[in-house]
Amino acid sequence: MFIHILWFAVGLIALIKGGDWFVDGAVGVAKKFHIPDLLIGATVVSIGTTLPEVLVSAESAAKGYGAMAYGNAIGSIICNTALVAAITIAIRPSEIKKKDMIIPVIFFFISAAFYAGTAYTTGNFTRITGIILLCIFVIYMIVVSGQAINDAKLEAQEVACGAVTDAAGLGTGKKPEAAGADKTNGGTADRTSDNTESPLWKNILFLVLGAVIIAIGADLLVDHGVAIAAGLGVPASVIAVTFVALGTSLPELVTAITSLAKGHSALSIGNICGANLFNLVLVSGIAITIGPFDFSGSDFGTLFLFGKEYLSSLLIETPLMIIVMIIMTVPALISGKLKRWQGVLLLCIYAAFCVYQFCG
């Protein structure tokens, strides 16, 4: 058992470090080709931080562990919302930009309705289900990328208008020559900054190494996570929905804590919603497409209620995934603010969820 725990920990570390390198490399490559920051955040970084979940679930599905693939995706959503986002909300509540939040929230609840509806009505996920989820992911990426490009164009136009105004000596009190000098100096500074960035080959190396290390970590996590579950006599889905989900959500958790330490209290909940959507449509979509599964068997856990036996995964995890997202997003969309009670409530829910998984 000790050996399995040790290799499980090595797998977690590999996922975290590999994800860090992958994101750094991906952002570096994107900047080299002058891709707008908004577009990088909406696509490259979001996919990069979700890559651990993607590979763990794909690896699980390929090896026939459907319960672990399911548990990792659902568990990561619950962890991202009721732990990662909840910590930042409870410590430092802040206002939000509804515009950044509305699209991922709409897509998430549409996807969750389809996901849950399929599970409850059919009791299984077929390959068609996985393909539909991946199609939702593609549509989301097109919509969000289009929005990011439009926002970048508007920002560029505003900057250009401001530069014209400054050059005319209006509103700033600067002489045209001074404004021009500032612009030139700014351009020089930017070029200098670009020259100090890592070379392209190094970014590509980080990108490739990060992906390889994540793949190795995912393999270790799945194999030894299943072995630990067997040794403890608990369902594989319990290990996946707690330890594996927490491990693959560590990049988001570290980012949130770092943001708080640096004084950036306004955590972008839109990014959390985006990551949750990726877990639902990309992570689950790939896993289901590779290895369709049904909700039969003890791997998904059971719960006795009112004299009947129910699948814990369908009675607890899936509804909880939707509930914690409602608690986080609906009050924020109504008031435009994240309030401390939301964070405290979500943390209490997550603590109760973990206690239930191991003591219920």
Protein backbone atom coordinates (compact mmCIF):
# COMPACT_ATOMS: atom_id res chain seq x y z
CA MET A 1 0.00 0.00 0.00
CA PHE A 2 2.83 2.42 0.89
CA ILE A 3 4.38 1.99 -2.57
CA HIS A 4 1.05 2.78 -4.25
CA ILE A 5 0.63 5.92 -2.12
CA LEU A 6 4.19 7.00 -2.95
CA TRP A 7 3.70 6.60 -6.70
CA PHE A 8 0.28 8.27 -6.44
CA ALA A 9 2.01 11.29 -4.87
CA VAL A 10 4.69 11.26 -7.59
CA GLY A 11 1.90 11.26 -10.17
CA LEU A 12 0.29 14.29 -8.53
CA ILE A 13 3.58 16.20 -8.49
CA ALA A 14 4.17 15.31 -12.14
CA LEU A 15 0.71 16.59 -13.06
CA ILE A 16 1.26 19.90 -11.26
CA LYS A 17 4.75 20.54 -12.64
CA GLY A 18 3.89 19.29 -16.10
CA GLY A 19 0.80 21.51 -16.20
CA ASP A 20 2.89 24.49 -15.12
CA TRP A 21 5.44 23.92 -17.89
CA PHE A 22 2.74 23.26 -20.49
CA VAL A 23 0.94 26.54 -19.74
CA ASP A 24 4.20 28.54 -19.68
CA GLY A 25 5.27 27.04 -22.99
CA ALA A 26 1.86 27.48 -24.60
CA VAL A 27 1.60 31.13 -23.54
CA GLY A 28 5.17 31.78 -24.72
CA VAL A 29 4.51 30.29 -28.15
CA ALA A 30 1.21 32.18 -28.46
CA LYS A 31 2.86 35.50 -27.59
CA LYS A 32 5.62 34.88 -30.12
CA PHE A 33 2.94 34.77 -32.80
CA HIS A 34 1.25 37.88 -31.34
CA ILE A 35 -1.99 36.16 -30.35
CA PRO A 36 -4.07 38.55 -28.17
CA ASP A 37 -3.85 37.97 -24.41
CA LEU A 38 -7.64 37.62 -24.14
CA LEU A 39 -7.60 34.86 -26.73
CA ILE A 40 -4.69 33.13 -24.99
CA GLY A 41 -6.59 33.13 -21.71
CA ALA A 42 -9.81 31.92 -23.30
CA THR A 43 -8.18 29.06 -25.19
CA VAL A 44 -4.55 28.08 -24.59
CA VAL A 45 -4.34 28.67 -20.82
CA SER A 46 -7.80 27.27 -20.11
CA ILE A 47 -7.05 24.09 -22.03
CA GLY A 48 -3.58 23.88 -20.48
CA THR A 49 -4.88 24.04 -16.89
CA THR A 50 -7.52 21.43 -17.76
CA LEU A 51 -5.01 19.10 -19.42
CA PRO A 52 -4.36 17.06 -16.22
CA GLU A 53 -8.07 16.24 -15.97
CA VAL A 54 -8.21 15.46 -19.71
CA LEU A 55 -5.36 12.97 -19.61
CA VAL A 56 -6.36 11.35 -16.31
CA SER A 57 -9.92 10.78 -17.54
CA ALA A 58 -8.79 9.65 -21.00
CA GLU A 59 -6.30 7.24 -19.42
CA SER A 60 -8.99 5.92 -17.08
CA ALA A 61 -11.49 5.44 -19.91
CA ALA A 62 -8.93 3.71 -22.13
CA LYS A 63 -8.18 1.23 -19.32
CA GLY A 64 -11.85 0.56 -18.71
CA TYR A 65 -12.18 2.55 -15.46
CA GLY A 66 -15.30 4.53 -16.38
CA ALA A 67 -16.06 5.31 -12.74
CA MET A 68 -12.72 7.05 -12.28
CA ALA A 69 -13.15 9.08 -15.49
CA TYR A 70 -16.60 10.18 -14.35
CA GLY A 71 -15.49 10.87 -10.78
CA ASN A 72 -12.51 12.94 -11.86
CA ALA A 73 -14.57 15.25 -14.08
CA ILE A 74 -17.44 15.74 -11.61
CA GLY A 75 -15.10 15.92 -8.62
CA SER A 76 -12.96 18.59 -10.28
CA ILE A 77 -16.03 20.76 -10.89
CA ILE A 78 -17.10 20.42 -7.25
CA CYS A 79 -13.53 21.09 -6.07
CA ASN A 80 -13.02 24.11 -8.35
CA THR A 81 -16.27 25.66 -7.15
CA ALA A 82 -16.67 24.65 -3.50
CA LEU A 83 -12.96 24.80 -2.58
CA VAL A 84 -10.86 26.85 -5.02
CA ALA A 85 -13.35 29.62 -5.76
CA ALA A 86 -14.85 29.40 -2.27
CA ILE A 87 -11.50 30.13 -0.56
CA THR A 88 -11.00 33.35 -2.52
CA ILE A 89 -14.63 34.45 -2.06
CA ALA A 90 -14.58 33.78 1.69
CA ILE A 91 -11.26 35.58 2.26
CA ARG A 92 -11.77 38.53 -0.05
CA PRO A 93 -15.21 39.05 -1.64
CA SER A 94 -15.22 41.25 -4.71
CA GLU A 95 -17.26 42.62 -7.56
CA ILE A 96 -17.44 40.72 -10.81
CA LYS A 97 -17.74 41.52 -14.49
CA LYS A 98 -21.02 39.95 -15.58
CA LYS A 99 -19.85 40.02 -19.19
CA ASP A 100 -16.96 37.66 -18.40
CA MET A 101 -19.27 35.30 -16.55
CA ILE A 102 -22.45 35.06 -18.58
CA ILE A 103 -21.27 32.97 -21.56
CA PRO A 104 -19.49 30.18 -19.63
CA VAL A 105 -22.38 30.06 -17.13
CA ILE A 106 -24.99 29.63 -19.88
CA PHE A 107 -22.93 26.97 -21.64
CA PHE A 108 -22.25 25.17 -18.36
CA PHE A 109 -25.90 24.83 -17.32
CA ILE A 110 -26.97 23.78 -20.83
CA SER A 111 -24.25 21.11 -20.79
CA ALA A 112 -25.09 20.06 -17.22
CA ALA A 113 -28.76 19.66 -18.15
CA PHE A 114 -27.83 17.43 -21.09
CA TYR A 115 -25.27 15.49 -19.01
CA ALA A 116 -27.57 14.87 -16.06
CA GLY A 117 -30.61 14.23 -18.24
CA THR A 118 -28.73 11.55 -20.17
CA ALA A 119 -27.47 9.88 -16.98
CA TYR A 120 -30.88 9.82 -15.30
CA THR A 121 -32.96 8.75 -18.30
CA THR A 122 -30.65 6.19 -19.92
CA GLY A 123 -28.30 5.12 -17.11
CA ASN A 124 -25.34 5.07 -19.51
CA PHE A 125 -23.07 7.26 -21.60
CA THR A 126 -22.67 6.14 -25.20
CA ARG A 127 -20.09 7.29 -27.70
CA ILE A 128 -22.73 9.59 -29.23
CA THR A 129 -23.04 11.33 -25.85
CA GLY A 130 -19.30 11.96 -25.82
CA ILE A 131 -19.35 13.36 -29.36
CA ILE A 132 -22.22 15.72 -28.51
CA LEU A 133 -20.29 17.01 -25.47
CA LEU A 134 -17.22 17.61 -27.65
CA CYS A 135 -19.38 19.48 -30.18
CA ILE A 136 -20.60 21.76 -27.36
CA PHE A 137 -16.95 22.37 -26.47
CA VAL A 138 -16.12 23.36 -30.07
CA ILE A 139 -19.11 25.73 -30.24
CA TYR A 140 -18.09 27.31 -26.93
CA MET A 141 -14.52 27.82 -28.13
CA ILE A 142 -15.77 29.50 -31.32
CA VAL A 143 -18.08 31.82 -29.38
CA VAL A 144 -15.55 32.74 -26.70
CA SER A 145 -12.69 33.18 -29.19
CA GLY A 146 -14.88 35.45 -31.31
CA GLN A 147 -15.70 37.53 -28.25
CA ALA A 148 -12.04 37.72 -27.23
CA ILE A 149 -11.00 38.86 -30.73
CA ASN A 150 -13.75 41.50 -30.82
CA ASP A 151 -12.77 42.77 -27.36
CA ALA A 152 -9.13 42.96 -28.48
CA LYS A 153 -10.12 44.96 -31.58
CA LEU A 154 -12.21 47.38 -29.50
CA GLU A 155 -9.33 47.82 -27.05
CA ALA A 156 -6.91 48.47 -29.93
CA GLN A 157 -9.30 51.07 -31.38
CA GLU A 158 -9.59 52.80 -28.00
CA VAL A 159 -5.80 52.86 -27.67
CA ALA A 160 -5.46 54.23 -31.20
CA CYS A 161 -8.02 56.95 -30.51
CA GLY A 162 -6.20 57.84 -27.31
CA ALA A 163 -2.89 58.03 -29.17
CA VAL A 164 -4.42 60.36 -31.78
CA THR A 165 -5.84 62.56 -29.02
CA ASP A 166 -2.47 62.68 -27.24
CA ALA A 167 -0.66 63.48 -30.48
CA ALA A 168 -3.00 66.42 -31.00
CA GLY A 169 -2.16 67.66 -27.51
CA LEU A 170 -5.74 67.25 -26.32
CA GLY A 171 -6.78 66.21 -22.84
CA THR A 172 -3.24 65.47 -21.61
CA GLY A 173 -1.52 68.78 -21.69
CA LYS A 174 1.39 67.24 -23.56
CA LYS A 175 2.91 68.71 -26.65
CA PRO A 176 2.57 66.64 -29.82
CA GLU A 177 6.30 65.99 -29.85
CA ALA A 178 6.28 64.77 -26.28
CA ALA A 179 3.37 62.46 -26.96
CA GLY A 180 5.17 61.11 -29.98
CA ALA A 181 8.33 60.61 -27.95
CA ASP A 182 6.38 58.71 -25.32
CA LYS A 183 4.87 56.50 -27.93
CA THR A 184 8.27 55.79 -29.44
CA ASN A 185 9.78 55.04 -26.07
CA GLY A 186 6.84 52.79 -25.27
CA GLY A 187 7.37 50.92 -28.50
CA THR A 188 11.07 50.55 -27.76
CA ALA A 189 10.31 49.28 -24.30
CA ASP A 190 7.90 46.77 -25.72
CA ARG A 191 10.45 45.52 -28.21
CA THR A 192 13.04 45.27 -25.47
CA SER A 193 10.57 43.28 -23.39
CA ASP A 194 9.92 40.98 -26.32
CA ASN A 195 13.65 40.43 -26.77
CA THR A 196 14.03 39.40 -23.13
CA GLU A 197 11.34 36.74 -23.46
CA SER A 198 12.32 33.10 -23.70
CA PRO A 199 13.29 31.97 -27.20
CA LEU A 200 10.77 30.03 -29.26
CA TRP A 201 12.68 26.74 -28.99
CA LYS A 202 12.59 26.91 -25.20
CA ASN A 203 8.83 27.56 -25.16
CA ILE A 204 8.26 24.62 -27.50
CA LEU A 205 10.48 22.45 -25.29
CA PHE A 206 8.43 23.41 -22.21
CA LEU A 207 5.25 22.69 -24.15
CA VAL A 208 6.36 19.21 -25.20
CA LEU A 209 7.98 18.28 -21.87
CA GLY A 210 4.92 19.52 -19.98
CA ALA A 211 2.59 17.35 -22.07
CA VAL A 212 4.85 14.29 -21.64
CA ILE A 213 5.17 14.75 -17.87
CA ILE A 214 1.41 15.23 -17.53
CA ALA A 215 0.84 12.00 -19.47
CA ILE A 216 3.24 10.12 -17.17
CA GLY A 217 1.63 11.64 -14.08
CA ALA A 218 -1.85 10.72 -15.31
CA ASP A 219 -0.77 7.13 -15.86
CA LEU A 220 0.69 6.88 -12.34
CA LEU A 221 -2.36 8.55 -10.81
CA VAL A 222 -4.85 6.21 -12.46
CA ASP A 223 -2.99 2.92 -11.87
CA HIS A 224 -2.09 3.58 -8.25
CA GLY A 225 -5.36 5.39 -7.48
CA VAL A 226 -7.24 2.24 -8.47
CA ALA A 227 -4.83 0.12 -6.39
CA ILE A 228 -5.33 2.37 -3.33
CA ALA A 229 -9.12 2.19 -3.77
CA ALA A 230 -8.94 -1.61 -3.91
CA GLY A 231 -6.68 -1.74 -0.86
CA LEU A 232 -8.98 0.50 1.19
CA GLY A 233 -12.10 -1.25 -0.02
CA VAL A 234 -13.72 1.94 -1.34
CA PRO A 235 -15.17 2.50 -4.82
CA ALA A 236 -12.79 3.88 -7.45
CA SER A 237 -15.20 6.77 -8.00
CA VAL A 238 -14.66 7.90 -4.37
CA ILE A 239 -10.89 8.12 -4.89
CA ALA A 240 -11.46 9.93 -8.19
CA VAL A 241 -14.03 12.40 -6.88
CA THR A 242 -11.81 13.38 -3.91
CA PHE A 243 -8.03 12.79 -4.13
CA VAL A 244 -7.69 12.64 -7.92
CA ALA A 245 -10.05 15.58 -8.43
CA LEU A 246 -8.19 17.65 -5.84
CA GLY A 247 -4.85 16.74 -7.40
CA THR A 248 -5.89 17.72 -10.91
CA SER A 249 -7.43 20.96 -9.55
CA LEU A 250 -4.23 22.00 -7.76
CA PRO A 251 -3.11 24.35 -10.61
CA GLU A 252 -6.32 26.36 -10.14
CA LEU A 253 -5.93 26.28 -6.35
CA VAL A 254 -2.31 27.46 -6.48
CA THR A 255 -3.30 30.24 -8.90
CA ALA A 256 -6.09 31.38 -6.59
CA ILE A 257 -3.86 31.44 -3.51
CA THR A 258 -1.11 33.25 -5.43
CA SER A 259 -3.61 35.86 -6.61
CA LEU A 260 -4.70 36.48 -3.01
CA ALA A 261 -1.09 36.76 -1.82
CA LYS A 262 -0.39 39.38 -4.49
CA GLY A 263 -3.49 41.39 -3.59
CA HIS A 264 -5.55 40.51 -6.65
CA SER A 265 -8.82 39.94 -4.83
CA ALA A 266 -11.06 40.06 -7.87
CA LEU A 267 -10.74 36.44 -8.88
CA SER A 268 -12.25 35.91 -12.31
CA ILE A 269 -15.15 33.60 -11.57
CA GLY A 270 -15.73 33.50 -15.29
CA ASN A 271 -12.46 31.55 -15.57
CA ILE A 272 -13.62 29.09 -12.91
CA CYS A 273 -16.89 28.65 -14.80
CA GLY A 274 -14.90 28.11 -17.99
CA ALA A 275 -12.71 25.49 -16.33
CA ASN A 276 -15.81 23.74 -14.99
CA LEU A 277 -17.36 23.75 -18.45
CA PHE A 278 -14.16 22.24 -19.88
CA ASN A 279 -14.35 19.46 -17.28
CA LEU A 280 -17.93 18.73 -18.26
CA VAL A 281 -17.69 18.85 -22.06
CA LEU A 282 -13.99 18.33 -22.89
CA VAL A 283 -12.81 16.01 -20.11
CA SER A 284 -16.01 13.97 -19.99
CA GLY A 285 -16.49 14.19 -23.75
CA ILE A 286 -13.07 12.70 -24.52
CA ALA A 287 -13.39 10.03 -21.81
CA ILE A 288 -16.86 8.92 -22.93
CA THR A 289 -15.87 8.91 -26.60
CA ILE A 290 -12.85 6.72 -25.83
CA GLY A 291 -14.63 4.40 -23.40
CA PRO A 292 -18.45 4.57 -23.14
CA PHE A 293 -19.78 3.26 -19.80
CA ASP A 294 -22.94 2.74 -17.79
CA PHE A 295 -23.76 3.37 -14.14
CA SER A 296 -24.05 -0.26 -13.09
CA GLY A 297 -21.75 -1.92 -10.58
CA SER A 298 -20.35 -1.00 -7.18
CA ASP A 299 -17.62 1.25 -8.59
CA PHE A 300 -20.06 4.18 -8.55
CA GLY A 301 -21.02 3.64 -4.91
CA THR A 302 -24.47 3.03 -3.45
CA LEU A 303 -26.66 4.79 -0.92
CA PHE A 304 -29.60 3.37 1.03
CA LEU A 305 -32.43 5.89 1.31
CA PHE A 306 -36.05 5.28 2.31
CA GLY A 307 -35.45 1.55 2.20
CA LYS A 308 -34.12 1.56 -1.36
CA GLU A 309 -30.63 1.40 -2.84
CA TYR A 310 -29.54 4.27 -5.08
CA LEU A 311 -26.36 5.03 -6.97
CA SER A 312 -24.48 7.59 -4.90
CA SER A 313 -22.95 9.16 -8.01
CA LEU A 314 -26.38 10.03 -9.46
CA LEU A 315 -28.02 10.95 -6.15
CA ILE A 316 -25.16 12.99 -4.65
CA GLU A 317 -22.31 14.01 -6.98
CA THR A 318 -24.23 15.06 -10.09
CA PRO A 319 -26.86 17.18 -8.26
CA LEU A 320 -24.14 18.66 -6.01
CA MET A 321 -22.14 19.73 -9.07
CA ILE A 322 -25.14 21.78 -10.23
CA ILE A 323 -26.05 23.08 -6.76
CA VAL A 324 -22.60 24.52 -5.96
CA MET A 325 -22.49 26.25 -9.35
CA ILE A 326 -25.91 27.80 -8.68
CA ILE A 327 -24.76 29.04 -5.26
CA MET A 328 -21.65 30.61 -6.77
CA THR A 329 -23.07 32.11 -9.98
CA VAL A 330 -26.76 33.08 -9.58
CA PRO A 331 -26.40 35.55 -6.64
CA ALA A 332 -23.30 37.04 -8.34
CA LEU A 333 -25.12 37.54 -11.64
CA ILE A 334 -28.04 39.20 -9.83
CA SER A 335 -26.04 41.55 -7.59
CA GLY A 336 -22.77 41.85 -9.53
CA LYS A 337 -20.87 40.93 -6.38
CA LEU A 338 -19.42 37.85 -4.73
CA LYS A 339 -20.29 37.80 -1.03
CA ARG A 340 -18.51 36.15 1.87
CA TRP A 341 -21.50 34.02 2.82
CA GLN A 342 -21.25 32.29 -0.56
CA GLY A 343 -17.65 31.29 0.06
CA VAL A 344 -18.31 30.10 3.63
CA LEU A 345 -21.37 28.10 2.54
CA LEU A 346 -19.48 26.46 -0.32
CA LEU A 347 -16.58 25.50 1.96
CA CYS A 348 -19.00 23.93 4.44
CA ILE A 349 -20.62 21.98 1.61
CA TYR A 350 -17.22 20.74 0.39
CA ALA A 351 -16.20 19.67 3.90
CA ALA A 352 -19.49 17.79 4.34
CA PHE A 353 -19.06 16.20 0.91
CA CYS A 354 -15.59 14.88 1.80
CA VAL A 355 -16.81 13.54 5.14
CA TYR A 356 -19.70 11.79 3.40
CA GLN A 357 -17.42 10.19 0.80
CA PHE A 358 -15.23 8.50 3.40
CA CYS A 359 -17.60 8.07 6.34
CA GLY A 360 -21.01 7.79 4.69
